[in-house]
PDB file of N, CA and C in Angstrom:
ATOM      1  N   UNK A   1     109.447 -99.408 -46.099  1.00  0.00           N
ATOM      2  CA  UNK A   1     109.111 -99.084 -47.474  1.00  0.00           C
ATOM      3  C   UNK A   1     107.855 -99.847 -47.854  1.00  0.00           C
ATOM      4  N   UNK A   2     106.896 -99.162 -48.454  1.00  0.00           N
ATOM      5  CA  UNK A   2     105.636 -99.804 -48.808  1.00  0.00           C
ATOM      6  C   UNK A   2     105.822-100.742 -49.997  1.00  0.00           C
ATOM      7  N   UNK A   3     104.858-101.641 -50.155  1.00  0.00           N
ATOM      8  CA  UNK A   3     104.893-102.610 -51.249  1.00  0.00           C
ATOM      9  C   UNK A   3     104.915-101.901 -52.603  1.00  0.00           C
ATOM     10  N   UNK A   4     104.150-100.818 -52.753  1.00  0.00           N
ATOM     11  CA  UNK A   4     104.079-100.097 -54.027  1.00  0.00           C
ATOM     12  C   UNK A   4     105.436 -99.504 -54.394  1.00  0.00           C
ATOM     13  N   UNK A   5     106.130 -98.926 -53.422  1.00  0.00           N
ATOM     14  CA  UNK A   5     107.435 -98.311 -53.701  1.00  0.00           C
ATOM     15  C   UNK A   5     108.447 -99.363 -54.144  1.00  0.00           C
ATOM     16  N   UNK A   6     108.301-100.594 -53.695  1.00  0.00           N
ATOM     17  CA  UNK A   6     109.241-101.641 -54.084  1.00  0.00           C
ATOM     18  C   UNK A   6     109.037-102.082 -55.527  1.00  0.00           C
ATOM     19  N   UNK A   7     108.000-101.589 -56.204  1.00  0.00           N
ATOM     20  CA  UNK A   7     107.795-101.899 -57.614  1.00  0.00           C
ATOM     21  C   UNK A   7     108.826-101.206 -58.491  1.00  0.00           C
ATOM     22  N   UNK A   8     109.493-100.192 -57.957  1.00  0.00           N
ATOM     23  CA  UNK A   8     110.396 -99.363 -58.738  1.00  0.00           C
ATOM     24  C   UNK A   8     111.813 -99.390 -58.170  1.00  0.00           C
ATOM     25  N   UNK A   9     112.774 -99.204 -59.070  1.00  0.00           N
ATOM     26  CA  UNK A   9     114.183 -99.116 -58.692  1.00  0.00           C
ATOM     27  C   UNK A   9     114.672 -97.740 -59.136  1.00  0.00           C
ATOM     28  N   UNK A  10     115.283 -97.003 -58.207  1.00  0.00           N
ATOM     29  CA  UNK A  10     115.810 -95.674 -58.504  1.00  0.00           C
ATOM     30  C   UNK A  10     117.329 -95.751 -58.547  1.00  0.00           C
ATOM     31  N   UNK A  11     117.907 -95.150 -59.576  1.00  0.00           N
ATOM     32  CA  UNK A  11     119.358 -95.074 -59.706  1.00  0.00           C
ATOM     33  C   UNK A  11     119.742 -93.610 -59.898  1.00  0.00           C
ATOM     34  N   UNK A  12     120.753 -93.155 -59.156  1.00  0.00           N
ATOM     35  CA  UNK A  12     121.233 -91.780 -59.271  1.00  0.00           C
ATOM     36  C   UNK A  12     122.711 -91.816 -59.606  1.00  0.00           C
ATOM     37  N   UNK A  13     123.098 -91.048 -60.643  1.00  0.00           N
ATOM     38  CA  UNK A  13     124.491 -91.009 -61.074  1.00  0.00           C
ATOM     39  C   UNK A  13     124.943 -89.562 -61.243  1.00  0.00           C
ATOM     40  N   UNK A  14     126.161 -89.286 -60.816  1.00  0.00           N
ATOM     41  CA  UNK A  14     126.751 -87.960 -60.996  1.00  0.00           C
ATOM     42  C   UNK A  14     127.447 -87.897 -62.351  1.00  0.00           C
ATOM     43  N   UNK A  15     127.263 -86.774 -63.059  1.00  0.00           N
ATOM     44  CA  UNK A  15     127.901 -86.571 -64.355  1.00  0.00           C
ATOM     45  C   UNK A  15     128.446 -85.145 -64.426  1.00  0.00           C
ATOM     46  N   UNK A  16     129.632 -84.941 -64.973  1.00  0.00           N
ATOM     47  CA  UNK A  16     130.144 -83.583 -65.149  1.00  0.00           C
ATOM     48  C   UNK A  16     129.272 -82.821 -66.141  1.00  0.00           C
ATOM     49  N   UNK A  17     129.034 -81.537 -65.850  1.00  0.00           N
ATOM     50  CA  UNK A  17     128.228 -80.703 -66.726  1.00  0.00           C
ATOM     51  C   UNK A  17     128.657 -79.254 -66.547  1.00  0.00           C
ATOM     52  N   UNK A  18     129.258 -78.671 -67.576  1.00  0.00           N
ATOM     53  CA  UNK A  18     129.686 -77.275 -67.563  1.00  0.00           C
ATOM     54  C   UNK A  18     130.474 -76.888 -66.307  1.00  0.00           C
ATOM     55  N   UNK A  19     131.544 -77.563 -66.059  1.00  0.00           N
ATOM     56  CA  UNK A  19     132.442 -77.320 -64.922  1.00  0.00           C
ATOM     57  C   UNK A  19     131.790 -77.575 -63.568  1.00  0.00           C
ATOM     58  N   UNK A  20     130.644 -78.201 -63.551  1.00  0.00           N
ATOM     59  CA  UNK A  20     129.972 -78.573 -62.308  1.00  0.00           C
ATOM     60  C   UNK A  20     129.561 -80.032 -62.415  1.00  0.00           C
ATOM     61  N   UNK A  21     128.752 -80.474 -61.492  1.00  0.00           N
ATOM     62  CA  UNK A  21     128.232 -81.840 -61.526  1.00  0.00           C
ATOM     63  C   UNK A  21     126.721 -81.792 -61.559  1.00  0.00           C
ATOM     64  N   UNK A  22     126.141 -82.633 -62.385  1.00  0.00           N
ATOM     65  CA  UNK A  22     124.690 -82.767 -62.477  1.00  0.00           C
ATOM     66  C   UNK A  22     124.361 -84.192 -62.075  1.00  0.00           C
ATOM     67  N   UNK A  23     123.281 -84.375 -61.345  1.00  0.00           N
ATOM     68  CA  UNK A  23     122.885 -85.692 -60.847  1.00  0.00           C
ATOM     69  C   UNK A  23     121.656 -86.179 -61.611  1.00  0.00           C
ATOM     70  N   UNK A  24     121.861 -87.205 -62.415  1.00  0.00           N
ATOM     71  CA  UNK A  24     120.776 -87.805 -63.188  1.00  0.00           C
ATOM     72  C   UNK A  24     120.155 -88.930 -62.395  1.00  0.00           C
ATOM     73  N   UNK A  25     118.834 -89.011 -62.434  1.00  0.00           N
ATOM     74  CA  UNK A  25     118.158 -90.133 -61.802  1.00  0.00           C
ATOM     75  C   UNK A  25     117.282 -90.819 -62.829  1.00  0.00           C
ATOM     76  N   UNK A  26     117.204 -92.141 -62.690  1.00  0.00           N
ATOM     77  CA  UNK A  26     116.332 -92.937 -63.550  1.00  0.00           C
ATOM     78  C   UNK A  26     115.498 -93.856 -62.669  1.00  0.00           C
ATOM     79  N   UNK A  27     114.295 -94.131 -63.141  1.00  0.00           N
ATOM     80  CA  UNK A  27     113.394 -95.033 -62.436  1.00  0.00           C
ATOM     81  C   UNK A  27     113.006 -96.148 -63.403  1.00  0.00           C
ATOM     82  N   UNK A  28     113.171 -97.378 -62.943  1.00  0.00           N
ATOM     83  CA  UNK A  28     112.783 -98.558 -63.716  1.00  0.00           C
ATOM     84  C   UNK A  28     111.856 -99.410 -62.859  1.00  0.00           C
ATOM     85  N   UNK A  29     111.134-100.292 -63.497  1.00  0.00           N
ATOM     86  CA  UNK A  29     110.297-101.233 -62.750  1.00  0.00           C
ATOM     87  C   UNK A  29     111.177-102.359 -62.226  1.00  0.00           C
ATOM     88  N   UNK A  30     110.890-102.774 -61.019  1.00  0.00           N
ATOM     89  CA  UNK A  30     111.689-103.826 -60.394  1.00  0.00           C
ATOM     90  C   UNK A  30     111.632-105.123 -61.202  1.00  0.00           C
ATOM     91  N   UNK A  31     110.461-105.452 -61.736  1.00  0.00           N
ATOM     92  CA  UNK A  31     110.314-106.709 -62.471  1.00  0.00           C
ATOM     93  C   UNK A  31     110.826-106.617 -63.911  1.00  0.00           C
ATOM     94  N   UNK A  32     111.190-105.394 -64.375  1.00  0.00           N
ATOM     95  CA  UNK A  32     111.737-105.210 -65.710  1.00  0.00           C
ATOM     96  C   UNK A  32     112.751-104.057 -65.669  1.00  0.00           C
ATOM     97  N   UNK A  33     113.929-104.282 -65.076  1.00  0.00           N
ATOM     98  CA  UNK A  33     114.883-103.192 -64.865  1.00  0.00           C
ATOM     99  C   UNK A  33     115.473-102.613 -66.145  1.00  0.00           C
ATOM    100  N   UNK A  34     115.309-103.277 -67.292  1.00  0.00           N
ATOM    101  CA  UNK A  34     115.821-102.745 -68.551  1.00  0.00           C
ATOM    102  C   UNK A  34     114.880-101.725 -69.177  1.00  0.00           C
ATOM    103  N   UNK A  35     113.667-101.601 -68.656  1.00  0.00           N
ATOM    104  CA  UNK A  35     112.683-100.666 -69.201  1.00  0.00           C
ATOM    105  C   UNK A  35     112.656 -99.387 -68.368  1.00  0.00           C
ATOM    106  N   UNK A  36     113.057 -98.294 -69.007  1.00  0.00           N
ATOM    107  CA  UNK A  36     113.078 -96.996 -68.348  1.00  0.00           C
ATOM    108  C   UNK A  36     111.647 -96.478 -68.187  1.00  0.00           C
ATOM    109  N   UNK A  37     111.284 -96.099 -66.968  1.00  0.00           N
ATOM    110  CA  UNK A  37     109.945 -95.568 -66.694  1.00  0.00           C
ATOM    111  C   UNK A  37     109.980 -94.051 -66.670  1.00  0.00           C
ATOM    112  N   UNK A  38     110.974 -93.480 -66.004  1.00  0.00           N
ATOM    113  CA  UNK A  38     111.044 -92.040 -65.845  1.00  0.00           C
ATOM    114  C   UNK A  38     112.480 -91.631 -65.574  1.00  0.00           C
ATOM    115  N   UNK A  39     112.811 -90.365 -65.907  1.00  0.00           N
ATOM    116  CA  UNK A  39     114.151 -89.868 -65.627  1.00  0.00           C
ATOM    117  C   UNK A  39     114.132 -88.353 -65.509  1.00  0.00           C
ATOM    118  N   UNK A  40     115.205 -87.838 -64.932  1.00  0.00           N
ATOM    119  CA  UNK A  40     115.357 -86.399 -64.788  1.00  0.00           C
ATOM    120  C   UNK A  40     116.728 -86.091 -64.230  1.00  0.00           C
ATOM    121  N   UNK A  41     116.962 -84.829 -63.922  1.00  0.00           N
ATOM    122  CA  UNK A  41     118.248 -84.453 -63.342  1.00  0.00           C
ATOM    123  C   UNK A  41     118.059 -83.285 -62.399  1.00  0.00           C
ATOM    124  N   UNK A  42     119.052 -83.098 -61.553  1.00  0.00           N
ATOM    125  CA  UNK A  42     119.028 -82.030 -60.562  1.00  0.00           C
ATOM    126  C   UNK A  42     120.471 -81.574 -60.315  1.00  0.00           C
ATOM    127  N   UNK A  43     120.637 -80.363 -59.786  1.00  0.00           N
ATOM    128  CA  UNK A  43     121.985 -79.848 -59.560  1.00  0.00           C
ATOM    129  C   UNK A  43     122.692 -80.456 -58.343  1.00  0.00           C
ATOM    130  N   UNK A  44     121.953 -81.100 -57.446  1.00  0.00           N
ATOM    131  CA  UNK A  44     122.572 -81.731 -56.280  1.00  0.00           C
ATOM    132  C   UNK A  44     122.013 -83.139 -56.107  1.00  0.00           C
ATOM    133  N   UNK A  45     122.764 -83.964 -55.397  1.00  0.00           N
ATOM    134  CA  UNK A  45     122.298 -85.321 -55.146  1.00  0.00           C
ATOM    135  C   UNK A  45     121.039 -85.312 -54.277  1.00  0.00           C
ATOM    136  N   UNK A  46     121.004 -84.420 -53.310  1.00  0.00           N
ATOM    137  CA  UNK A  46     119.836 -84.331 -52.439  1.00  0.00           C
ATOM    138  C   UNK A  46     118.570 -84.007 -53.229  1.00  0.00           C
ATOM    139  N   UNK A  47     118.657 -83.038 -54.149  1.00  0.00           N
ATOM    140  CA  UNK A  47     117.492 -82.713 -54.975  1.00  0.00           C
ATOM    141  C   UNK A  47     117.115 -83.862 -55.908  1.00  0.00           C
ATOM    142  N   UNK A  48     118.110 -84.573 -56.425  1.00  0.00           N
ATOM    143  CA  UNK A  48     117.830 -85.733 -57.280  1.00  0.00           C
ATOM    144  C   UNK A  48     117.080 -86.809 -56.500  1.00  0.00           C
ATOM    145  N   UNK A  49     117.478 -87.023 -55.248  1.00  0.00           N
ATOM    146  CA  UNK A  49     116.784 -88.012 -54.412  1.00  0.00           C
ATOM    147  C   UNK A  49     115.349 -87.576 -54.133  1.00  0.00           C
ATOM    148  N   UNK A  50     115.148 -86.305 -53.851  1.00  0.00           N
ATOM    149  CA  UNK A  50     113.800 -85.787 -53.576  1.00  0.00           C
ATOM    150  C   UNK A  50     112.932 -85.874 -54.830  1.00  0.00           C
ATOM    151  N   UNK A  51     113.464 -85.412 -55.972  1.00  0.00           N
ATOM    152  CA  UNK A  51     112.704 -85.434 -57.225  1.00  0.00           C
ATOM    153  C   UNK A  51     112.323 -86.859 -57.635  1.00  0.00           C
ATOM    154  N   UNK A  52     113.263 -87.789 -57.502  1.00  0.00           N
ATOM    155  CA  UNK A  52     112.962 -89.165 -57.898  1.00  0.00           C
ATOM    156  C   UNK A  52     111.934 -89.793 -56.955  1.00  0.00           C
ATOM    157  N   UNK A  53     112.019 -89.490 -55.673  1.00  0.00           N
ATOM    158  CA  UNK A  53     111.012 -90.003 -54.729  1.00  0.00           C
ATOM    159  C   UNK A  53     109.634 -89.426 -55.022  1.00  0.00           C
ATOM    160  N   UNK A  54     109.595 -88.139 -55.358  1.00  0.00           N
ATOM    161  CA  UNK A  54     108.318 -87.509 -55.721  1.00  0.00           C
ATOM    162  C   UNK A  54     107.735 -88.147 -56.982  1.00  0.00           C
ATOM    163  N   UNK A  55     108.597 -88.461 -57.938  1.00  0.00           N
ATOM    164  CA  UNK A  55     108.128 -89.082 -59.171  1.00  0.00           C
ATOM    165  C   UNK A  55     107.586 -90.487 -58.905  1.00  0.00           C
ATOM    166  N   UNK A  56     108.246 -91.258 -58.046  1.00  0.00           N
ATOM    167  CA  UNK A  56     107.732 -92.589 -57.692  1.00  0.00           C
ATOM    168  C   UNK A  56     106.357 -92.450 -57.040  1.00  0.00           C
ATOM    169  N   UNK A  57     106.215 -91.498 -56.140  1.00  0.00           N
ATOM    170  CA  UNK A  57     104.920 -91.243 -55.499  1.00  0.00           C
ATOM    171  C   UNK A  57     103.857 -90.925 -56.553  1.00  0.00           C
ATOM    172  N   UNK A  58     104.194 -90.080 -57.529  1.00  0.00           N
ATOM    173  CA  UNK A  58     103.245 -89.722 -58.578  1.00  0.00           C
ATOM    174  C   UNK A  58     102.923 -90.913 -59.483  1.00  0.00           C
ATOM    175  N   UNK A  59     103.912 -91.746 -59.758  1.00  0.00           N
ATOM    176  CA  UNK A  59     103.672 -92.951 -60.563  1.00  0.00           C
ATOM    177  C   UNK A  59     102.708 -93.896 -59.854  1.00  0.00           C
ATOM    178  N   UNK A  60     102.920 -94.079 -58.569  1.00  0.00           N
ATOM    179  CA  UNK A  60     102.069 -94.981 -57.793  1.00  0.00           C
ATOM    180  C   UNK A  60     100.642 -94.464 -57.730  1.00  0.00           C
ATOM    181  N   UNK A  61     100.492 -93.143 -57.567  1.00  0.00           N
ATOM    182  CA  UNK A  61      99.152 -92.566 -57.434  1.00  0.00           C
ATOM    183  C   UNK A  61      98.465 -92.360 -58.779  1.00  0.00           C
ATOM    184  N   UNK A  62      99.202 -92.538 -59.875  1.00  0.00           N
ATOM    185  CA  UNK A  62      98.606 -92.379 -61.195  1.00  0.00           C
ATOM    186  C   UNK A  62      98.620 -90.947 -61.705  1.00  0.00           C
ATOM    187  N   UNK A  63      99.316 -90.047 -61.022  1.00  0.00           N
ATOM    188  CA  UNK A  63      99.382 -88.650 -61.464  1.00  0.00           C
ATOM    189  C   UNK A  63     100.260 -88.470 -62.697  1.00  0.00           C
ATOM    190  N   UNK A  64     101.149 -89.413 -62.948  1.00  0.00           N
ATOM    191  CA  UNK A  64     102.016 -89.363 -64.123  1.00  0.00           C
ATOM    192  C   UNK A  64     102.155 -90.766 -64.692  1.00  0.00           C
ATOM    193  N   UNK A  65     102.471 -90.819 -65.977  1.00  0.00           N
ATOM    194  CA  UNK A  65     102.701 -92.108 -66.626  1.00  0.00           C
ATOM    195  C   UNK A  65     104.189 -92.363 -66.828  1.00  0.00           C
ATOM    196  N   UNK A  66     105.022 -91.411 -66.392  1.00  0.00           N
ATOM    197  CA  UNK A  66     106.457 -91.563 -66.549  1.00  0.00           C
ATOM    198  C   UNK A  66     106.985 -90.648 -67.630  1.00  0.00           C
ATOM    199  N   UNK A  67     108.218 -90.894 -68.055  1.00  0.00           N
ATOM    200  CA  UNK A  67     108.865 -90.050 -69.048  1.00  0.00           C
ATOM    201  C   UNK A  67     109.853 -89.117 -68.387  1.00  0.00           C
ATOM    202  N   UNK A  68     110.261 -88.107 -69.143  1.00  0.00           N
ATOM    203  CA  UNK A  68     111.222 -87.142 -68.602  1.00  0.00           C
ATOM    204  C   UNK A  68     110.499 -86.177 -67.681  1.00  0.00           C
ATOM    205  N   UNK A  69     111.102 -85.931 -66.535  1.00  0.00           N
ATOM    206  CA  UNK A  69     110.567 -84.974 -65.574  1.00  0.00           C
ATOM    207  C   UNK A  69     111.381 -83.701 -65.703  1.00  0.00           C
ATOM    208  N   UNK A  70     110.701 -82.598 -65.996  1.00  0.00           N
ATOM    209  CA  UNK A  70     111.385 -81.314 -66.095  1.00  0.00           C
ATOM    210  C   UNK A  70     111.828 -80.849 -64.726  1.00  0.00           C
ATOM    211  N   UNK A  71     113.008 -80.296 -64.659  1.00  0.00           N
ATOM    212  CA  UNK A  71     113.542 -79.775 -63.410  1.00  0.00           C
ATOM    213  C   UNK A  71     113.015 -78.378 -63.141  1.00  0.00           C
ATOM    214  N   UNK A  72     111.746 -78.243 -62.906  1.00  0.00           N
ATOM    215  CA  UNK A  72     111.145 -76.921 -62.736  1.00  0.00           C
ATOM    216  C   UNK A  72     111.143 -76.459 -61.292  1.00  0.00           C
ATOM    217  N   UNK A  73     111.576 -77.261 -60.388  1.00  0.00           N
ATOM    218  CA  UNK A  73     111.525 -76.889 -58.980  1.00  0.00           C
ATOM    219  C   UNK A  73     112.744 -76.089 -58.533  1.00  0.00           C
ATOM    220  N   UNK A  74     113.669 -75.875 -59.441  1.00  0.00           N
ATOM    221  CA  UNK A  74     114.840 -75.072 -59.115  1.00  0.00           C
ATOM    222  C   UNK A  74     115.228 -74.287 -60.357  1.00  0.00           C
ATOM    223  N   UNK A  75     115.873 -73.163 -60.181  1.00  0.00           N
ATOM    224  CA  UNK A  75     116.200 -72.305 -61.305  1.00  0.00           C
ATOM    225  C   UNK A  75     117.551 -72.680 -61.897  1.00  0.00           C
ATOM    226  N   UNK A  76     117.703 -72.387 -63.157  1.00  0.00           N
ATOM    227  CA  UNK A  76     118.973 -72.630 -63.845  1.00  0.00           C
ATOM    228  C   UNK A  76     119.534 -71.292 -64.298  1.00  0.00           C
ATOM    229  N   UNK A  77     120.841 -71.191 -64.291  1.00  0.00           N
ATOM    230  CA  UNK A  77     121.508 -69.977 -64.755  1.00  0.00           C
ATOM    231  C   UNK A  77     122.033 -70.250 -66.156  1.00  0.00           C
ATOM    232  N   UNK A  78     121.620 -69.426 -67.100  1.00  0.00           N
ATOM    233  CA  UNK A  78     122.077 -69.559 -68.489  1.00  0.00           C
ATOM    234  C   UNK A  78     123.088 -68.470 -68.787  1.00  0.00           C
ATOM    235  N   UNK A  79     124.229 -68.855 -69.288  1.00  0.00           N
ATOM    236  CA  UNK A  79     125.252 -67.884 -69.669  1.00  0.00           C
ATOM    237  C   UNK A  79     125.386 -67.847 -71.168  1.00  0.00           C
ATOM    238  N   UNK A  80     125.463 -66.670 -71.713  1.00  0.00           N
ATOM    239  CA  UNK A  80     125.629 -66.510 -73.167  1.00  0.00           C
ATOM    240  C   UNK A  80     127.056 -66.205 -73.516  1.00  0.00           C
TER     241      UNK A  80
END
């Protein structure tokens, strides 16, 4: 793991959502774990791990400043 990646701590938690499970991920700075840098969610743990890793990469490269990451890489089914 590179030095830059160690600046951040990623946490992934499963939460029930509409009879399924949604995986929320949060990213905090290692030196200030109480300060939320970025967060998002995905329908599977694997996607949550990929999305959070991509966000850390973007944070390190300066492509994003953090905040909520929209789950645009996968489709959602809306029922009325």
